[in-house]
Amino acid sequence: TLTDNGLVFTARLAGRKGGRNAFEKVLYTYKIQQKNGRPGHPQTQGKIERFHQTLKKWITARPPAKTIGELQEQLDEFRDYYNIHRPHRALGRRSPHHSYTTGPKASPSDNPKQEWRTRNDIVWDNGKVTVRYAGKLFHLGIGRAFKRQKVLMVIADNHVITSLAETGEVVTEHYIDTARDYQRPYWKQGDPPQGTK
């Protein structure tokens, strides 16, 4: 994908550090490489800006839509005309539909790298900390025994390992489930080693 730097597309220029947003997570899941234009340089997205100009001219030449439904019909008609019927100079006077259906298909050439980051926090009195993942805030259960202690979280996509900042002792491990706000630990200090009873 090639987009501008709006927060809906990327969290990389956000004032706060927070990892990938939901759109970036979807791209990562499907191994789609993301590219963003240079801030303050709309020419990078020149093709879509030119498309918007063509769409605006086409809509303006029609009687104004009186309802959202009518506007949607006009947009659907434009989409079909633009992609299926209208010849494009850049495609040798063929339509995008013709070029797409008759040409070879592209495939990913490389896989996006896993997201790694760290977060310093203090465990709340209720034994929880928060972490932002895919643009949403999640609460991780650490345990009341660690309240008001400084912790370091190492985050690799949805996998979070939390250790005490002072000693480096690992206290919990989480795998974030995006269907839940509160995240129970996959493993916490005092549990038997994995694979034992």
C-alpha atoms as a PDB file:
ATOM      1  CA  THR A   1       0.000   0.000   0.000  1.00  0.00           C
ATOM      2  CA  LEU A   2       1.016   3.612  -0.485  1.00  0.00           C
ATOM      3  CA  THR A   3      -0.761   6.152   1.703  1.00  0.00           C
ATOM      4  CA  ASP A   4      -0.241   9.488   3.363  1.00  0.00           C
ATOM      5  CA  ASN A   5       0.611   9.648   7.070  1.00  0.00           C
ATOM      6  CA  GLY A   6      -2.904   9.990   8.480  1.00  0.00           C
ATOM      7  CA  LEU A   7      -3.392   8.231  11.826  1.00  0.00           C
ATOM      8  CA  VAL A   8      -5.879   5.871  10.204  1.00  0.00           C
ATOM      9  CA  PHE A   9      -3.021   4.546   8.044  1.00  0.00           C
ATOM     10  CA  THR A  10      -0.016   4.669  10.375  1.00  0.00           C
ATOM     11  CA  ALA A  11       0.861   5.372  13.994  1.00  0.00           C
ATOM     12  CA  ARG A  12       4.525   5.985  13.215  1.00  0.00           C
ATOM     13  CA  LEU A  13       4.287   9.791  13.391  1.00  0.00           C
ATOM     14  CA  ALA A  14       1.906   9.875  16.366  1.00  0.00           C
ATOM     15  CA  GLY A  15       3.061  12.008  19.258  1.00  0.00           C
ATOM     16  CA  ARG A  16       3.027   8.992  21.596  1.00  0.00           C
ATOM     17  CA  LYS A  17       4.842   5.748  21.051  1.00  0.00           C
ATOM     18  CA  GLY A  18       2.280   2.972  20.714  1.00  0.00           C
ATOM     19  CA  GLY A  19       3.202   0.384  18.112  1.00  0.00           C
ATOM     20  CA  ARG A  20       1.140  -0.394  15.041  1.00  0.00           C
ATOM     21  CA  ASN A  21      -2.479   0.679  14.612  1.00  0.00           C
ATOM     22  CA  ALA A  22      -5.263  -1.667  13.463  1.00  0.00           C
ATOM     23  CA  PHE A  23      -4.694  -0.991   9.734  1.00  0.00           C
ATOM     24  CA  GLU A  24      -0.981  -1.719  10.096  1.00  0.00           C
ATOM     25  CA  LYS A  25      -1.779  -4.994  11.909  1.00  0.00           C
ATOM     26  CA  VAL A  26      -4.052  -6.095   9.030  1.00  0.00           C
ATOM     27  CA  LEU A  27      -1.309  -5.346   6.507  1.00  0.00           C
ATOM     28  CA  TYR A  28       1.205  -7.292   8.620  1.00  0.00           C
ATOM     29  CA  THR A  29      -1.190 -10.256   8.944  1.00  0.00           C
ATOM     30  CA  TYR A  30      -1.563 -10.510   5.162  1.00  0.00           C
ATOM     31  CA  LYS A  31       2.141  -9.779   4.509  1.00  0.00           C
ATOM     32  CA  ILE A  32       1.364  -6.541   2.668  1.00  0.00           C
ATOM     33  CA  GLN A  33       4.220  -4.056   2.570  1.00  0.00           C
ATOM     34  CA  GLN A  34       3.256  -0.579   3.737  1.00  0.00           C
ATOM     35  CA  LYS A  35       4.748   2.586   2.319  1.00  0.00           C
ATOM     36  CA  ASN A  36       3.920   6.116   3.433  1.00  0.00           C
ATOM     37  CA  GLY A  37       4.564   9.369   1.623  1.00  0.00           C
ATOM     38  CA  ARG A  38       6.974  11.886   3.039  1.00  0.00           C
ATOM     39  CA  PRO A  39       5.150  14.223   5.478  1.00  0.00           C
ATOM     40  CA  GLY A  40       4.073  17.459   3.789  1.00  0.00           C
ATOM     41  CA  HIS A  41       4.619  16.015   0.291  1.00  0.00           C
ATOM     42  CA  PRO A  42       1.197  15.113  -1.253  1.00  0.00           C
ATOM     43  CA  GLN A  43       2.817  14.600  -4.676  1.00  0.00           C
ATOM     44  CA  THR A  44       3.829  11.104  -3.487  1.00  0.00           C
ATOM     45  CA  GLN A  45       0.165  10.129  -3.673  1.00  0.00           C
ATOM     46  CA  GLY A  46      -0.253  11.913  -7.021  1.00  0.00           C
ATOM     47  CA  LYS A  47      -2.194   9.095  -8.692  1.00  0.00           C
ATOM     48  CA  ILE A  48      -4.943   8.965  -6.068  1.00  0.00           C
ATOM     49  CA  GLU A  49      -5.063  12.774  -5.927  1.00  0.00           C
ATOM     50  CA  ARG A  50      -5.556  12.775  -9.727  1.00  0.00           C
ATOM     51  CA  PHE A  51      -8.281  10.133  -9.346  1.00  0.00           C
ATOM     52  CA  HIS A  52     -10.063  12.366  -6.813  1.00  0.00           C
ATOM     53  CA  GLN A  53      -9.935  15.242  -9.331  1.00  0.00           C
ATOM     54  CA  THR A  54     -11.525  13.040 -12.031  1.00  0.00           C
ATOM     55  CA  LEU A  55     -14.211  11.828  -9.589  1.00  0.00           C
ATOM     56  CA  LYS A  56     -15.074  15.389  -8.508  1.00  0.00           C
ATOM     57  CA  LYS A  57     -15.416  16.557 -12.137  1.00  0.00           C
ATOM     58  CA  TRP A  58     -17.612  13.570 -12.981  1.00  0.00           C
ATOM     59  CA  ILE A  59     -19.889  14.065  -9.929  1.00  0.00           C
ATOM     60  CA  THR A  60     -20.150  17.840 -10.545  1.00  0.00           C
ATOM     61  CA  ALA A  61     -21.334  17.217 -14.150  1.00  0.00           C
ATOM     62  CA  ARG A  62     -24.360  15.258 -12.852  1.00  0.00           C
ATOM     63  CA  PRO A  63     -27.494  16.539 -11.164  1.00  0.00           C
ATOM     64  CA  PRO A  64     -26.838  16.760  -7.395  1.00  0.00           C
ATOM     65  CA  ALA A  65     -27.864  13.690  -5.436  1.00  0.00           C
ATOM     66  CA  LYS A  66     -30.799  14.306  -3.089  1.00  0.00           C
ATOM     67  CA  THR A  67     -30.143  11.343  -0.792  1.00  0.00           C
ATOM     68  CA  ILE A  68     -27.224   9.264   0.382  1.00  0.00           C
ATOM     69  CA  GLY A  69     -28.648   6.375  -1.661  1.00  0.00           C
ATOM     70  CA  GLU A  70     -28.603   8.469  -4.851  1.00  0.00           C
ATOM     71  CA  LEU A  71     -25.045   9.575  -4.138  1.00  0.00           C
ATOM     72  CA  GLN A  72     -24.016   5.939  -3.659  1.00  0.00           C
ATOM     73  CA  GLU A  73     -25.611   5.042  -7.010  1.00  0.00           C
ATOM     74  CA  GLN A  74     -23.612   7.827  -8.694  1.00  0.00           C
ATOM     75  CA  LEU A  75     -20.397   6.637  -7.041  1.00  0.00           C
ATOM     76  CA  ASP A  76     -21.079   3.032  -8.080  1.00  0.00           C
ATOM     77  CA  GLU A  77     -21.757   4.169 -11.669  1.00  0.00           C
ATOM     78  CA  PHE A  78     -18.488   6.148 -11.691  1.00  0.00           C
ATOM     79  CA  ARG A  79     -16.538   3.189 -10.296  1.00  0.00           C
ATOM     80  CA  ASP A  80     -17.825   0.903 -13.059  1.00  0.00           C
ATOM     81  CA  TYR A  81     -17.211   3.482 -15.778  1.00  0.00           C
ATOM     82  CA  TYR A  82     -13.712   4.340 -14.531  1.00  0.00           C
ATOM     83  CA  ASN A  83     -12.539   0.753 -14.014  1.00  0.00           C
ATOM     84  CA  ILE A  84     -14.383  -1.225 -16.703  1.00  0.00           C
ATOM     85  CA  HIS A  85     -15.219   1.050 -19.640  1.00  0.00           C
ATOM     86  CA  ARG A  86     -12.990   4.146 -19.693  1.00  0.00           C
ATOM     87  CA  PRO A  87      -9.704   3.695 -21.615  1.00  0.00           C
ATOM     88  CA  HIS A  88      -6.626   4.937 -19.742  1.00  0.00           C
ATOM     89  CA  ARG A  89      -3.618   6.455 -21.498  1.00  0.00           C
ATOM     90  CA  ALA A  90      -1.220   4.938 -18.980  1.00  0.00           C
ATOM     91  CA  LEU A  91      -2.568   1.460 -19.853  1.00  0.00           C
ATOM     92  CA  GLY A  92      -2.242   1.725 -23.633  1.00  0.00           C
ATOM     93  CA  ARG A  93      -5.891   2.877 -24.010  1.00  0.00           C
ATOM     94  CA  ARG A  94      -7.145  -0.198 -22.152  1.00  0.00           C
ATOM     95  CA  SER A  95      -9.353  -0.160 -19.069  1.00  0.00           C
ATOM     96  CA  PRO A  96      -7.980  -1.113 -15.643  1.00  0.00           C
ATOM     97  CA  HIS A  97     -10.343  -4.103 -15.648  1.00  0.00           C
ATOM     98  CA  HIS A  98      -8.899  -5.383 -18.923  1.00  0.00           C
ATOM     99  CA  SER A  99      -5.306  -4.870 -17.750  1.00  0.00           C
ATOM    100  CA  TYR A 100      -5.966  -6.585 -14.420  1.00  0.00           C
ATOM    101  CA  THR A 101      -7.817  -9.609 -15.790  1.00  0.00           C
ATOM    102  CA  THR A 102      -5.349 -10.291 -18.610  1.00  0.00           C
ATOM    103  CA  GLY A 103      -2.037  -9.474 -16.929  1.00  0.00           C
ATOM    104  CA  PRO A 104       0.187 -11.446 -14.543  1.00  0.00           C
ATOM    105  CA  LYS A 105      -0.577 -11.055 -10.834  1.00  0.00           C
ATOM    106  CA  ALA A 106       1.931  -9.646  -8.377  1.00  0.00           C
ATOM    107  CA  SER A 107       2.823 -11.463  -5.165  1.00  0.00           C
ATOM    108  CA  PRO A 108       4.670 -10.340  -2.045  1.00  0.00           C
ATOM    109  CA  SER A 109       8.422 -10.183  -2.536  1.00  0.00           C
ATOM    110  CA  ASP A 110       9.304  -9.919   1.123  1.00  0.00           C
ATOM    111  CA  ASN A 111       7.672 -10.393   4.472  1.00  0.00           C
ATOM    112  CA  PRO A 112       7.240  -7.498   6.891  1.00  0.00           C
ATOM    113  CA  LYS A 113       9.364  -7.777   9.991  1.00  0.00           C
ATOM    114  CA  GLN A 114       7.918  -8.623  13.385  1.00  0.00           C
ATOM    115  CA  GLU A 115       7.255  -5.593  15.593  1.00  0.00           C
ATOM    116  CA  TRP A 116       9.509  -5.381  18.656  1.00  0.00           C
ATOM    117  CA  ARG A 117       9.259  -2.670  21.296  1.00  0.00           C
ATOM    118  CA  THR A 118       9.628  -2.108  25.015  1.00  0.00           C
ATOM    119  CA  ARG A 119       7.431  -0.271  27.496  1.00  0.00           C
ATOM    120  CA  ASN A 120       8.227   0.920  31.024  1.00  0.00           C
ATOM    121  CA  ASP A 121       5.290   1.169  33.417  1.00  0.00           C
ATOM    122  CA  ILE A 122       4.254   0.957  37.059  1.00  0.00           C
ATOM    123  CA  VAL A 123       1.799  -1.733  38.155  1.00  0.00           C
ATOM    124  CA  TRP A 124      -1.453  -0.161  39.357  1.00  0.00           C
ATOM    125  CA  ASP A 125      -2.867  -0.919  42.816  1.00  0.00           C
ATOM    126  CA  ASN A 126      -5.282  -3.384  41.162  1.00  0.00           C
ATOM    127  CA  GLY A 127      -2.325  -5.401  39.796  1.00  0.00           C
ATOM    128  CA  LYS A 128      -2.696  -4.351  36.155  1.00  0.00           C
ATOM    129  CA  VAL A 129      -0.760  -2.446  33.507  1.00  0.00           C
ATOM    130  CA  THR A 130      -1.906  -1.262  30.078  1.00  0.00           C
ATOM    131  CA  VAL A 131      -0.440  -1.774  26.653  1.00  0.00           C
ATOM    132  CA  ARG A 132      -1.567  -0.484  23.265  1.00  0.00           C
ATOM    133  CA  TYR A 133      -1.867  -3.097  20.523  1.00  0.00           C
ATOM    134  CA  ALA A 134      -3.380  -2.591  17.047  1.00  0.00           C
ATOM    135  CA  GLY A 135      -4.540   0.883  18.055  1.00  0.00           C
ATOM    136  CA  LYS A 136      -6.477  -0.347  21.112  1.00  0.00           C
ATOM    137  CA  LEU A 137      -5.646  -0.270  24.824  1.00  0.00           C
ATOM    138  CA  PHE A 138      -5.551  -3.602  26.699  1.00  0.00           C
ATOM    139  CA  HIS A 139      -5.227  -4.316  30.437  1.00  0.00           C
ATOM    140  CA  LEU A 140      -2.707  -6.987  31.411  1.00  0.00           C
ATOM    141  CA  GLY A 141      -3.047  -8.788  34.724  1.00  0.00           C
ATOM    142  CA  ILE A 142       0.316  -8.779  36.523  1.00  0.00           C
ATOM    143  CA  GLY A 143      -0.835  -9.423  40.102  1.00  0.00           C
ATOM    144  CA  ARG A 144      -1.517  -7.279  43.180  1.00  0.00           C
ATOM    145  CA  ALA A 145       1.671  -8.605  44.754  1.00  0.00           C
ATOM    146  CA  PHE A 146       3.551  -6.314  42.337  1.00  0.00           C
ATOM    147  CA  LYS A 147       1.483  -3.142  42.849  1.00  0.00           C
ATOM    148  CA  ARG A 148       3.415   0.124  42.529  1.00  0.00           C
ATOM    149  CA  GLN A 149       6.498  -1.682  41.239  1.00  0.00           C
ATOM    150  CA  LYS A 150       8.247  -0.534  38.067  1.00  0.00           C
ATOM    151  CA  VAL A 151       8.125  -3.076  35.263  1.00  0.00           C
ATOM    152  CA  LEU A 152       9.634  -3.450  31.820  1.00  0.00           C
ATOM    153  CA  MET A 153       7.510  -5.049  29.095  1.00  0.00           C
ATOM    154  CA  VAL A 154       9.122  -6.563  26.007  1.00  0.00           C
ATOM    155  CA  ILE A 155       6.481  -6.683  23.262  1.00  0.00           C
ATOM    156  CA  ALA A 156       6.813  -8.800  20.110  1.00  0.00           C
ATOM    157  CA  ASP A 157       3.563  -8.276  18.211  1.00  0.00           C
ATOM    158  CA  ASN A 158       0.918  -9.850  20.505  1.00  0.00           C
ATOM    159  CA  HIS A 159       3.434 -11.549  22.851  1.00  0.00           C
ATOM    160  CA  VAL A 160       4.313  -9.589  26.021  1.00  0.00           C
ATOM    161  CA  ILE A 161       6.904 -10.583  28.627  1.00  0.00           C
ATOM    162  CA  THR A 162       6.899  -8.453  31.776  1.00  0.00           C
ATOM    163  CA  SER A 163       9.823  -8.258  34.199  1.00  0.00           C
ATOM    164  CA  LEU A 164      10.595  -6.208  37.280  1.00  0.00           C
ATOM    165  CA  ALA A 165      12.609  -3.170  36.189  1.00  0.00           C
ATOM    166  CA  GLU A 166      14.843  -3.273  39.252  1.00  0.00           C
ATOM    167  CA  THR A 167      15.880  -6.944  39.161  1.00  0.00           C
ATOM    168  CA  GLY A 168      15.020  -8.104  35.628  1.00  0.00           C
ATOM    169  CA  GLU A 169      13.049 -11.028  37.113  1.00  0.00           C
ATOM    170  CA  VAL A 170      10.310 -12.182  34.705  1.00  0.00           C
ATOM    171  CA  VAL A 171       6.890 -12.050  36.387  1.00  0.00           C
ATOM    172  CA  THR A 172       4.340 -12.694  33.596  1.00  0.00           C
ATOM    173  CA  GLU A 173       3.902 -13.659  29.984  1.00  0.00           C
ATOM    174  CA  HIS A 174       0.827 -12.677  27.931  1.00  0.00           C
ATOM    175  CA  TYR A 175      -0.523 -13.371  24.446  1.00  0.00           C
ATOM    176  CA  ILE A 176      -2.933 -10.548  23.629  1.00  0.00           C
ATOM    177  CA  ASP A 177      -6.389 -11.703  22.538  1.00  0.00           C
ATOM    178  CA  THR A 178      -7.968  -8.747  20.681  1.00  0.00           C
ATOM    179  CA  ALA A 179     -11.476 -10.020  21.515  1.00  0.00           C
ATOM    180  CA  ARG A 180     -10.946  -9.209  25.214  1.00  0.00           C
ATOM    181  CA  ASP A 181     -10.037  -6.028  27.082  1.00  0.00           C
ATOM    182  CA  TYR A 182      -8.570  -7.781  30.139  1.00  0.00           C
ATOM    183  CA  GLN A 183      -5.702 -10.172  29.436  1.00  0.00           C
ATOM    184  CA  ARG A 184      -5.024 -13.000  31.862  1.00  0.00           C
ATOM    185  CA  PRO A 185      -1.395 -14.091  31.970  1.00  0.00           C
ATOM    186  CA  TYR A 186      -0.415 -17.114  29.911  1.00  0.00           C
ATOM    187  CA  TRP A 187       2.227 -17.694  32.583  1.00  0.00           C
ATOM    188  CA  LYS A 188       2.977 -15.858  35.828  1.00  0.00           C
ATOM    189  CA  GLN A 189       5.641 -16.067  38.514  1.00  0.00           C
ATOM    190  CA  GLY A 190       4.965 -19.034  40.794  1.00  0.00           C
ATOM    191  CA  ASP A 191       3.378 -21.203  38.062  1.00  0.00           C
ATOM    192  CA  PRO A 192       5.074 -24.543  37.442  1.00  0.00           C
ATOM    193  CA  PRO A 193       7.373 -24.610  34.384  1.00  0.00           C
ATOM    194  CA  GLN A 194       5.574 -25.213  31.094  1.00  0.00           C
ATOM    195  CA  GLY A 195       4.937 -28.904  30.427  1.00  0.00           C
ATOM    196  CA  THR A 196       4.939 -29.939  34.134  1.00  0.00           C
ATOM    197  CA  LYS A 197       2.142 -30.408  36.667  1.00  0.00           C
END
